[in-house]
């Protein structure tokens, strides 16, 4: 009988520890992943589209031997990639609030 009580007490103790750990260390929400995906997409898309429009305008104002839109689209992709990379580094899984 005492081994049954020991097992029950051990199960209760483990369950309480799991509940305490879940309360103190909540997991990452699945919606956070979707938000991160959206932010990364926008951080690349906005500079790329901005570069395309600026390139079209520059083709009219200051024509060159090369294509302004293509050059600035590539520049927008690079700038967007840098922005996305810095955002991932800042908000990545290794990021802790107490590192500030």
PDB file of N, CA and C in Angstrom:
ATOM      1  N   UNK A   1       0.826  -1.189   0.000  1.00  0.00           N
ATOM      2  CA  UNK A   1       0.000   0.000   0.000  1.00  0.00           C
ATOM      3  C   UNK A   1       0.870   1.253   0.000  1.00  0.00           C
ATOM      4  N   UNK A   2       1.970   1.189   0.696  1.00  0.00           N
ATOM      5  CA  UNK A   2       2.818   2.376   0.781  1.00  0.00           C
ATOM      6  C   UNK A   2       3.488   2.677  -0.557  1.00  0.00           C
ATOM      7  N   UNK A   3       3.780   1.652  -1.374  1.00  0.00           N
ATOM      8  CA  UNK A   3       4.368   1.920  -2.677  1.00  0.00           C
ATOM      9  C   UNK A   3       3.374   2.618  -3.592  1.00  0.00           C
ATOM     10  N   UNK A   4       2.090   2.300  -3.453  1.00  0.00           N
ATOM     11  CA  UNK A   4       1.066   3.003  -4.233  1.00  0.00           C
ATOM     12  C   UNK A   4       1.008   4.468  -3.848  1.00  0.00           C
ATOM     13  N   UNK A   5       1.073   4.743  -2.547  1.00  0.00           N
ATOM     14  CA  UNK A   5       1.052   6.129  -2.077  1.00  0.00           C
ATOM     15  C   UNK A   5       2.307   6.872  -2.522  1.00  0.00           C
ATOM     16  N   UNK A   6       3.452   6.167  -2.503  1.00  0.00           N
ATOM     17  CA  UNK A   6       4.697   6.788  -2.965  1.00  0.00           C
ATOM     18  C   UNK A   6       4.611   7.143  -4.447  1.00  0.00           C
ATOM     19  N   UNK A   7       4.051   6.217  -5.241  1.00  0.00           N
ATOM     20  CA  UNK A   7       3.904   6.479  -6.669  1.00  0.00           C
ATOM     21  C   UNK A   7       2.943   7.638  -6.920  1.00  0.00           C
ATOM     22  N   UNK A   8       1.853   7.673  -6.187  1.00  0.00           N
ATOM     23  CA  UNK A   8       0.881   8.758  -6.356  1.00  0.00           C
ATOM     24  C   UNK A   8       1.505  10.095  -5.969  1.00  0.00           C
ATOM     25  N   UNK A   9       2.227  10.106  -4.864  1.00  0.00           N
ATOM     26  CA  UNK A   9       2.873  11.347  -4.435  1.00  0.00           C
ATOM     27  C   UNK A   9       3.914  11.790  -5.467  1.00  0.00           C
ATOM     28  N   UNK A  10       4.652  10.833  -6.035  1.00  0.00           N
ATOM     29  CA  UNK A  10       5.647  11.157  -7.046  1.00  0.00           C
ATOM     30  C   UNK A  10       4.979  11.698  -8.317  1.00  0.00           C
ATOM     31  N   UNK A  11       3.879  11.077  -8.720  1.00  0.00           N
ATOM     32  CA  UNK A  11       3.145  11.558  -9.900  1.00  0.00           C
ATOM     33  C   UNK A  11       2.597  12.966  -9.674  1.00  0.00           C
ATOM     34  N   UNK A  12       2.082  13.204  -8.494  1.00  0.00           N
ATOM     35  CA  UNK A  12       1.546  14.531  -8.169  1.00  0.00           C
ATOM     36  C   UNK A  12       2.674  15.561  -8.173  1.00  0.00           C
ATOM     37  N   UNK A  13       3.823  15.194  -7.599  1.00  0.00           N
ATOM     38  CA  UNK A  13       4.956  16.104  -7.556  1.00  0.00           C
ATOM     39  C   UNK A  13       5.433  16.443  -8.971  1.00  0.00           C
ATOM     40  N   UNK A  14       5.561  15.433  -9.841  1.00  0.00           N
ATOM     41  CA  UNK A  14       5.989  15.669 -11.226  1.00  0.00           C
ATOM     42  C   UNK A  14       4.992  16.543 -11.978  1.00  0.00           C
ATOM     43  N   UNK A  15       3.712  16.261 -11.763  1.00  0.00           N
ATOM     44  CA  UNK A  15       2.676  17.049 -12.428  1.00  0.00           C
ATOM     45  C   UNK A  15       2.717  18.507 -11.971  1.00  0.00           C
ATOM     46  N   UNK A  16       2.919  18.721 -10.674  1.00  0.00           N
ATOM     47  CA  UNK A  16       3.007  20.090 -10.160  1.00  0.00           C
ATOM     48  C   UNK A  16       4.233  20.809 -10.711  1.00  0.00           C
ATOM     49  N   UNK A  17       5.343  20.094 -10.837  1.00  0.00           N
ATOM     50  CA  UNK A  17       6.552  20.702 -11.405  1.00  0.00           C
ATOM     51  C   UNK A  17       6.340  21.081 -12.873  1.00  0.00           C
ATOM     52  N   UNK A  18       5.666  20.207 -13.640  1.00  0.00           N
ATOM     53  CA  UNK A  18       5.387  20.527 -15.045  1.00  0.00           C
ATOM     54  C   UNK A  18       4.478  21.744 -15.161  1.00  0.00           C
ATOM     55  N   UNK A  19       3.456  21.817 -14.315  1.00  0.00           N
ATOM     56  CA  UNK A  19       2.549  22.965 -14.364  1.00  0.00           C
ATOM     57  C   UNK A  19       3.273  24.249 -13.986  1.00  0.00           C
ATOM     58  N   UNK A  20       4.137  24.182 -12.982  1.00  0.00           N
ATOM     59  CA  UNK A  20       4.886  25.364 -12.567  1.00  0.00           C
ATOM     60  C   UNK A  20       5.835  25.813 -13.679  1.00  0.00           C
ATOM     61  N   UNK A  21       6.514  24.856 -14.316  1.00  0.00           N
ATOM     62  CA  UNK A  21       7.420  25.179 -15.412  1.00  0.00           C
ATOM     63  C   UNK A  21       6.649  25.789 -16.592  1.00  0.00           C
ATOM     64  N   UNK A  22       5.482  25.253 -16.912  1.00  0.00           N
ATOM     65  CA  UNK A  22       4.673  25.788 -18.016  1.00  0.00           C
ATOM     66  C   UNK A  22       4.189  27.196 -17.702  1.00  0.00           C
ATOM     67  N   UNK A  23       3.894  27.471 -16.443  1.00  0.00           N
ATOM     68  CA  UNK A  23       3.436  28.804 -16.055  1.00  0.00           C
ATOM     69  C   UNK A  23       4.589  29.806 -16.103  1.00  0.00           C
ATOM     70  N   UNK A  24       5.772  29.392 -15.648  1.00  0.00           N
ATOM     71  CA  UNK A  24       6.922  30.294 -15.593  1.00  0.00           C
ATOM     72  C   UNK A  24       7.613  30.467 -16.945  1.00  0.00           C
ATOM     73  N   UNK A  25       7.565  29.449 -17.787  1.00  0.00           N
ATOM     74  CA  UNK A  25       8.239  29.492 -19.086  1.00  0.00           C
ATOM     75  C   UNK A  25       7.247  29.142 -20.188  1.00  0.00           C
ATOM     76  N   UNK A  26       6.366  30.083 -20.559  1.00  0.00           N
ATOM     77  CA  UNK A  26       5.397  29.761 -21.613  1.00  0.00           C
ATOM     78  C   UNK A  26       6.102  29.526 -22.941  1.00  0.00           C
ATOM     79  N   UNK A  27       5.572  28.632 -23.730  1.00  0.00           N
ATOM     80  CA  UNK A  27       6.160  28.306 -25.024  1.00  0.00           C
ATOM     81  C   UNK A  27       5.887  29.404 -26.041  1.00  0.00           C
ATOM     82  N   UNK A  28       6.477  29.233 -27.202  1.00  0.00           N
ATOM     83  CA  UNK A  28       6.297  30.194 -28.285  1.00  0.00           C
ATOM     84  C   UNK A  28       4.963  29.919 -28.963  1.00  0.00           C
ATOM     85  N   UNK A  29       4.217  30.971 -29.203  1.00  0.00           N
ATOM     86  CA  UNK A  29       2.917  30.848 -29.848  1.00  0.00           C
ATOM     87  C   UNK A  29       3.092  30.562 -31.338  1.00  0.00           C
ATOM     88  N   UNK A  30       2.236  29.720 -31.916  1.00  0.00           N
ATOM     89  CA  UNK A  30       2.307  29.489 -33.368  1.00  0.00           C
ATOM     90  C   UNK A  30       2.034  30.763 -34.161  1.00  0.00           C
ATOM     91  N   UNK A  31       1.252  31.663 -33.613  1.00  0.00           N
ATOM     92  CA  UNK A  31       0.975  32.915 -34.299  1.00  0.00           C
ATOM     93  C   UNK A  31       2.215  33.795 -34.396  1.00  0.00           C
ATOM     94  N   UNK A  32       3.140  33.620 -33.468  1.00  0.00           N
ATOM     95  CA  UNK A  32       4.378  34.394 -33.533  1.00  0.00           C
ATOM     96  C   UNK A  32       5.176  34.027 -34.784  1.00  0.00           C
ATOM     97  N   UNK A  33       5.167  32.758 -35.155  1.00  0.00           N
ATOM     98  CA  UNK A  33       5.839  32.328 -36.370  1.00  0.00           C
ATOM     99  C   UNK A  33       5.220  32.946 -37.611  1.00  0.00           C
ATOM    100  N   UNK A  34       3.897  33.003 -37.648  1.00  0.00           N
ATOM    101  CA  UNK A  34       3.226  33.646 -38.781  1.00  0.00           C
ATOM    102  C   UNK A  34       3.547  35.132 -38.833  1.00  0.00           C
ATOM    103  N   UNK A  35       3.579  35.765 -37.679  1.00  0.00           N
ATOM    104  CA  UNK A  35       3.933  37.186 -37.638  1.00  0.00           C
ATOM    105  C   UNK A  35       5.348  37.428 -38.113  1.00  0.00           C
ATOM    106  N   UNK A  36       6.262  36.564 -37.700  1.00  0.00           N
ATOM    107  CA  UNK A  36       7.657  36.697 -38.128  1.00  0.00           C
ATOM    108  C   UNK A  36       7.765  36.505 -39.636  1.00  0.00           C
ATOM    109  N   UNK A  37       7.031  35.532 -40.168  1.00  0.00           N
ATOM    110  CA  UNK A  37       7.039  35.290 -41.612  1.00  0.00           C
ATOM    111  C   UNK A  37       6.552  36.525 -42.357  1.00  0.00           C
ATOM    112  N   UNK A  38       5.498  37.161 -41.853  1.00  0.00           N
ATOM    113  CA  UNK A  38       4.970  38.363 -42.487  1.00  0.00           C
ATOM    114  C   UNK A  38       5.925  39.536 -42.418  1.00  0.00           C
ATOM    115  N   UNK A  39       6.533  39.736 -41.270  1.00  0.00           N
ATOM    116  CA  UNK A  39       7.469  40.855 -41.110  1.00  0.00           C
ATOM    117  C   UNK A  39       8.683  40.675 -42.010  1.00  0.00           C
ATOM    118  N   UNK A  40       9.181  39.452 -42.095  1.00  0.00           N
ATOM    119  CA  UNK A  40      10.337  39.189 -42.963  1.00  0.00           C
ATOM    120  C   UNK A  40       9.963  39.433 -44.417  1.00  0.00           C
ATOM    121  N   UNK A  41       8.779  38.986 -44.819  1.00  0.00           N
ATOM    122  CA  UNK A  41       8.331  39.209 -46.192  1.00  0.00           C
ATOM    123  C   UNK A  41       8.201  40.682 -46.532  1.00  0.00           C
ATOM    124  N   UNK A  42       7.582  41.433 -45.637  1.00  0.00           N
ATOM    125  CA  UNK A  42       7.420  42.870 -45.886  1.00  0.00           C
ATOM    126  C   UNK A  42       8.753  43.598 -45.871  1.00  0.00           C
ATOM    127  N   UNK A  43       9.667  43.167 -45.013  1.00  0.00           N
ATOM    128  CA  UNK A  43      10.957  43.857 -44.943  1.00  0.00           C
ATOM    129  C   UNK A  43      11.776  43.650 -46.214  1.00  0.00           C
ATOM    130  N   UNK A  44      11.481  42.611 -46.971  1.00  0.00           N
ATOM    131  CA  UNK A  44      12.148  42.413 -48.256  1.00  0.00           C
ATOM    132  C   UNK A  44      11.338  43.045 -49.383  1.00  0.00           C
ATOM    133  N   UNK A  45      10.022  42.911 -49.334  1.00  0.00           N
ATOM    134  CA  UNK A  45       9.169  43.385 -50.431  1.00  0.00           C
ATOM    135  C   UNK A  45       9.165  44.904 -50.562  1.00  0.00           C
ATOM    136  N   UNK A  46       9.082  45.617 -49.463  1.00  0.00           N
ATOM    137  CA  UNK A  46       8.965  47.078 -49.529  1.00  0.00           C
ATOM    138  C   UNK A  46      10.208  47.726 -50.170  1.00  0.00           C
ATOM    139  N   UNK A  47      11.424  47.407 -49.728  1.00  0.00           N
ATOM    140  CA  UNK A  47      12.585  48.010 -50.395  1.00  0.00           C
ATOM    141  C   UNK A  47      12.716  47.592 -51.871  1.00  0.00           C
ATOM    142  N   UNK A  48      12.294  46.368 -52.197  1.00  0.00           N
ATOM    143  CA  UNK A  48      12.387  45.899 -53.576  1.00  0.00           C
ATOM    144  C   UNK A  48      11.431  46.674 -54.476  1.00  0.00           C
ATOM    145  N   UNK A  49      10.186  46.794 -54.053  1.00  0.00           N
ATOM    146  CA  UNK A  49       9.200  47.533 -54.850  1.00  0.00           C
ATOM    147  C   UNK A  49       9.563  49.017 -54.886  1.00  0.00           C
ATOM    148  N   UNK A  50      10.028  49.546 -53.778  1.00  0.00           N
ATOM    149  CA  UNK A  50      10.479  50.938 -53.755  1.00  0.00           C
ATOM    150  C   UNK A  50      11.621  51.168 -54.731  1.00  0.00           C
ATOM    151  N   UNK A  51      12.549  50.237 -54.801  1.00  0.00           N
ATOM    152  CA  UNK A  51      13.654  50.339 -55.749  1.00  0.00           C
ATOM    153  C   UNK A  51      13.171  50.291 -57.186  1.00  0.00           C
ATOM    154  N   UNK A  52      12.158  49.454 -57.451  1.00  0.00           N
ATOM    155  CA  UNK A  52      11.618  49.379 -58.813  1.00  0.00           C
ATOM    156  C   UNK A  52      10.986  50.706 -59.222  1.00  0.00           C
ATOM    157  N   UNK A  53      10.183  51.283 -58.351  1.00  0.00           N
ATOM    158  CA  UNK A  53       9.542  52.560 -58.692  1.00  0.00           C
ATOM    159  C   UNK A  53      10.557  53.693 -58.817  1.00  0.00           C
ATOM    160  N   UNK A  54      11.520  53.711 -57.910  1.00  0.00           N
ATOM    161  CA  UNK A  54      12.569  54.732 -58.008  1.00  0.00           C
ATOM    162  C   UNK A  54      13.366  54.556 -59.304  1.00  0.00           C
ATOM    163  N   UNK A  55      13.624  53.311 -59.695  1.00  0.00           N
ATOM    164  CA  UNK A  55      14.338  53.042 -60.931  1.00  0.00           C
ATOM    165  C   UNK A  55      13.560  53.485 -62.160  1.00  0.00           C
ATOM    166  N   UNK A  56      12.250  53.260 -62.162  1.00  0.00           N
ATOM    167  CA  UNK A  56      11.420  53.731 -63.290  1.00  0.00           C
ATOM    168  C   UNK A  56      11.465  55.249 -63.396  1.00  0.00           C
ATOM    169  N   UNK A  57      11.408  55.913 -62.268  1.00  0.00           N
ATOM    170  CA  UNK A  57      11.467  57.381 -62.261  1.00  0.00           C
ATOM    171  C   UNK A  57      12.839  57.863 -62.751  1.00  0.00           C
ATOM    172  N   UNK A  58      13.901  57.211 -62.265  1.00  0.00           N
ATOM    173  CA  UNK A  58      15.246  57.602 -62.685  1.00  0.00           C
ATOM    174  C   UNK A  58      15.486  57.338 -64.174  1.00  0.00           C
ATOM    175  N   UNK A  59      14.849  56.304 -64.741  1.00  0.00           N
ATOM    176  CA  UNK A  59      14.987  56.058 -66.182  1.00  0.00           C
ATOM    177  C   UNK A  59      14.446  57.234 -66.986  1.00  0.00           C
ATOM    178  N   UNK A  60      13.398  57.882 -66.481  1.00  0.00           N
ATOM    179  CA  UNK A  60      12.835  59.039 -67.185  1.00  0.00           C
ATOM    180  C   UNK A  60      13.667  60.296 -66.955  1.00  0.00           C
ATOM    181  N   UNK A  61      14.138  60.482 -65.720  1.00  0.00           N
ATOM    182  CA  UNK A  61      14.848  61.710 -65.350  1.00  0.00           C
ATOM    183  C   UNK A  61      16.313  61.669 -65.766  1.00  0.00           C
ATOM    184  N   UNK A  62      16.986  60.568 -65.514  1.00  0.00           N
ATOM    185  CA  UNK A  62      18.427  60.471 -65.782  1.00  0.00           C
ATOM    186  C   UNK A  62      18.745  59.150 -66.481  1.00  0.00           C
ATOM    187  N   UNK A  63      18.404  59.021 -67.764  1.00  0.00           N
ATOM    188  CA  UNK A  63      18.667  57.753 -68.459  1.00  0.00           C
ATOM    189  C   UNK A  63      20.167  57.435 -68.522  1.00  0.00           C
ATOM    190  N   UNK A  64      20.471  56.168 -68.403  1.00  0.00           N
ATOM    191  CA  UNK A  64      21.862  55.686 -68.446  1.00  0.00           C
ATOM    192  C   UNK A  64      21.953  54.509 -69.411  1.00  0.00           C
ATOM    193  N   UNK A  65      23.148  53.971 -69.585  1.00  0.00           N
ATOM    194  CA  UNK A  65      23.348  52.796 -70.429  1.00  0.00           C
ATOM    195  C   UNK A  65      22.840  51.515 -69.766  1.00  0.00           C
ATOM    196  N   UNK A  66      22.655  51.556 -68.461  1.00  0.00           N
ATOM    197  CA  UNK A  66      22.142  50.395 -67.734  1.00  0.00           C
ATOM    198  C   UNK A  66      20.703  50.684 -67.307  1.00  0.00           C
ATOM    199  N   UNK A  67      20.034  49.657 -66.830  1.00  0.00           N
ATOM    200  CA  UNK A  67      18.636  49.782 -66.415  1.00  0.00           C
ATOM    201  C   UNK A  67      18.575  50.134 -64.935  1.00  0.00           C
ATOM    202  N   UNK A  68      18.076  51.334 -64.642  1.00  0.00           N
ATOM    203  CA  UNK A  68      17.908  51.739 -63.248  1.00  0.00           C
ATOM    204  C   UNK A  68      16.981  50.788 -62.480  1.00  0.00           C
ATOM    205  N   UNK A  69      15.831  50.399 -63.034  1.00  0.00           N
ATOM    206  CA  UNK A  69      14.947  49.526 -62.244  1.00  0.00           C
ATOM    207  C   UNK A  69      15.602  48.217 -61.833  1.00  0.00           C
ATOM    208  N   UNK A  70      16.327  47.591 -62.754  1.00  0.00           N
ATOM    209  CA  UNK A  70      16.971  46.308 -62.405  1.00  0.00           C
ATOM    210  C   UNK A  70      18.019  46.521 -61.318  1.00  0.00           C
ATOM    211  N   UNK A  71      18.816  47.555 -61.461  1.00  0.00           N
ATOM    212  CA  UNK A  71      19.855  47.825 -60.464  1.00  0.00           C
ATOM    213  C   UNK A  71      19.245  48.110 -59.099  1.00  0.00           C
ATOM    214  N   UNK A  72      18.179  48.906 -59.089  1.00  0.00           N
ATOM    215  CA  UNK A  72      17.591  49.263 -57.792  1.00  0.00           C
ATOM    216  C   UNK A  72      16.713  48.155 -57.216  1.00  0.00           C
ATOM    217  N   UNK A  73      16.175  47.286 -58.063  1.00  0.00           N
ATOM    218  CA  UNK A  73      15.469  46.103 -57.540  1.00  0.00           C
ATOM    219  C   UNK A  73      16.472  45.214 -56.812  1.00  0.00           C
ATOM    220  N   UNK A  74      17.618  44.982 -57.439  1.00  0.00           N
ATOM    221  CA  UNK A  74      18.649  44.166 -56.776  1.00  0.00           C
ATOM    222  C   UNK A  74      19.134  44.834 -55.491  1.00  0.00           C
ATOM    223  N   UNK A  75      19.303  46.152 -55.533  1.00  0.00           N
ATOM    224  CA  UNK A  75      19.687  46.867 -54.314  1.00  0.00           C
ATOM    225  C   UNK A  75      18.624  46.759 -53.233  1.00  0.00           C
ATOM    226  N   UNK A  76      17.348  46.816 -53.637  1.00  0.00           N
ATOM    227  CA  UNK A  76      16.253  46.667 -52.670  1.00  0.00           C
ATOM    228  C   UNK A  76      16.218  45.289 -52.044  1.00  0.00           C
ATOM    229  N   UNK A  77      16.509  44.276 -52.838  1.00  0.00           N
ATOM    230  CA  UNK A  77      16.557  42.910 -52.300  1.00  0.00           C
ATOM    231  C   UNK A  77      17.682  42.790 -51.282  1.00  0.00           C
ATOM    232  N   UNK A  78      18.831  43.371 -51.592  1.00  0.00           N
ATOM    233  CA  UNK A  78      19.966  43.312 -50.655  1.00  0.00           C
ATOM    234  C   UNK A  78      19.630  44.058 -49.363  1.00  0.00           C
ATOM    235  N   UNK A  79      19.091  45.275 -49.491  1.00  0.00           N
ATOM    236  CA  UNK A  79      18.733  46.055 -48.298  1.00  0.00           C
ATOM    237  C   UNK A  79      17.663  45.323 -47.495  1.00  0.00           C
ATOM    238  N   UNK A  80      16.649  44.779 -48.187  1.00  0.00           N
ATOM    239  CA  UNK A  80      15.604  44.021 -47.499  1.00  0.00           C
ATOM    240  C   UNK A  80      16.148  42.789 -46.802  1.00  0.00           C
ATOM    241  N   UNK A  81      17.093  42.106 -47.451  1.00  0.00           N
ATOM    242  CA  UNK A  81      17.713  40.932 -46.823  1.00  0.00           C
ATOM    243  C   UNK A  81      18.474  41.301 -45.562  1.00  0.00           C
ATOM    244  N   UNK A  82      19.158  42.435 -45.599  1.00  0.00           N
ATOM    245  CA  UNK A  82      19.892  42.898 -44.408  1.00  0.00           C
ATOM    246  C   UNK A  82      18.916  43.241 -43.286  1.00  0.00           C
ATOM    247  N   UNK A  83      17.827  43.911 -43.634  1.00  0.00           N
ATOM    248  CA  UNK A  83      16.811  44.250 -42.622  1.00  0.00           C
ATOM    249  C   UNK A  83      16.206  42.979 -42.036  1.00  0.00           C
ATOM    250  N   UNK A  84      15.858  42.020 -42.901  1.00  0.00           N
ATOM    251  CA  UNK A  84      15.266  40.766 -42.427  1.00  0.00           C
ATOM    252  C   UNK A  84      16.250  39.999 -41.545  1.00  0.00           C
ATOM    253  N   UNK A  85      17.509  39.961 -41.962  1.00  0.00           N
ATOM    254  CA  UNK A  85      18.527  39.247 -41.182  1.00  0.00           C
ATOM    255  C   UNK A  85      18.682  39.868 -39.792  1.00  0.00           C
ATOM    256  N   UNK A  86      18.720  41.196 -39.744  1.00  0.00           N
ATOM    257  CA  UNK A  86      18.873  41.847 -38.438  1.00  0.00           C
ATOM    258  C   UNK A  86      17.643  41.602 -37.566  1.00  0.00           C
ATOM    259  N   UNK A  87      16.466  41.544 -38.185  1.00  0.00           N
ATOM    260  CA  UNK A  87      15.255  41.279 -37.407  1.00  0.00           C
ATOM    261  C   UNK A  87      15.281  39.857 -36.859  1.00  0.00           C
ATOM    262  N   UNK A  88      15.710  38.901 -37.681  1.00  0.00           N
ATOM    263  CA  UNK A  88      15.793  37.506 -37.228  1.00  0.00           C
ATOM    264  C   UNK A  88      16.801  37.373 -36.096  1.00  0.00           C
ATOM    265  N   UNK A  89      17.937  38.042 -36.225  1.00  0.00           N
ATOM    266  CA  UNK A  89      18.952  37.989 -35.168  1.00  0.00           C
ATOM    267  C   UNK A  89      18.419  38.569 -33.862  1.00  0.00           C
ATOM    268  N   UNK A  90      17.650  39.643 -33.957  1.00  0.00           N
ATOM    269  CA  UNK A  90      17.136  40.310 -32.765  1.00  0.00           C
ATOM    270  C   UNK A  90      16.017  39.515 -32.110  1.00  0.00           C
ATOM    271  N   UNK A  91      15.151  38.882 -32.915  1.00  0.00           N
ATOM    272  CA  UNK A  91      13.982  38.205 -32.387  1.00  0.00           C
ATOM    273  C   UNK A  91      14.087  36.693 -32.423  1.00  0.00           C
ATOM    274  N   UNK A  92      15.250  36.171 -32.719  1.00  0.00           N
ATOM    275  CA  UNK A  92      15.430  34.729 -32.877  1.00  0.00           C
ATOM    276  C   UNK A  92      15.209  33.958 -31.584  1.00  0.00           C
ATOM    277  N   UNK A  93      15.273  32.623 -31.674  1.00  0.00           N
ATOM    278  CA  UNK A  93      15.004  31.785 -30.506  1.00  0.00           C
ATOM    279  C   UNK A  93      16.035  31.933 -29.393  1.00  0.00           C
ATOM    280  N   UNK A  94      17.244  32.402 -29.709  1.00  0.00           N
ATOM    281  CA  UNK A  94      18.264  32.569 -28.679  1.00  0.00           C
ATOM    282  C   UNK A  94      18.132  33.884 -27.934  1.00  0.00           C
ATOM    283  N   UNK A  95      17.211  34.725 -28.393  1.00  0.00           N
ATOM    284  CA  UNK A  95      17.025  36.045 -27.787  1.00  0.00           C
ATOM    285  C   UNK A  95      16.334  35.909 -26.431  1.00  0.00           C
ATOM    286  N   UNK A  96      16.877  36.558 -25.438  1.00  0.00           N
ATOM    287  CA  UNK A  96      16.280  36.571 -24.097  1.00  0.00           C
ATOM    288  C   UNK A  96      15.999  38.023 -23.727  1.00  0.00           C
ATOM    289  N   UNK A  97      14.910  38.235 -23.004  1.00  0.00           N
ATOM    290  CA  UNK A  97      14.590  39.598 -22.597  1.00  0.00           C
ATOM    291  C   UNK A  97      15.638  40.191 -21.667  1.00  0.00           C
ATOM    292  N   UNK A  98      16.280  39.337 -20.882  1.00  0.00           N
ATOM    293  CA  UNK A  98      17.240  39.856 -19.912  1.00  0.00           C
ATOM    294  C   UNK A  98      18.608  40.146 -20.532  1.00  0.00           C
ATOM    295  N   UNK A  99      18.799  39.947 -21.854  1.00  0.00           N
ATOM    296  CA  UNK A  99      20.077  40.254 -22.499  1.00  0.00           C
ATOM    297  C   UNK A  99      20.244  41.732 -22.788  1.00  0.00           C
ATOM    298  N   UNK A 100      19.191  42.495 -22.729  1.00  0.00           N
ATOM    299  CA  UNK A 100      19.232  43.917 -23.077  1.00  0.00           C
ATOM    300  C   UNK A 100      20.314  44.574 -22.352  1.00  0.00           C
TER     301      UNK A 100
END
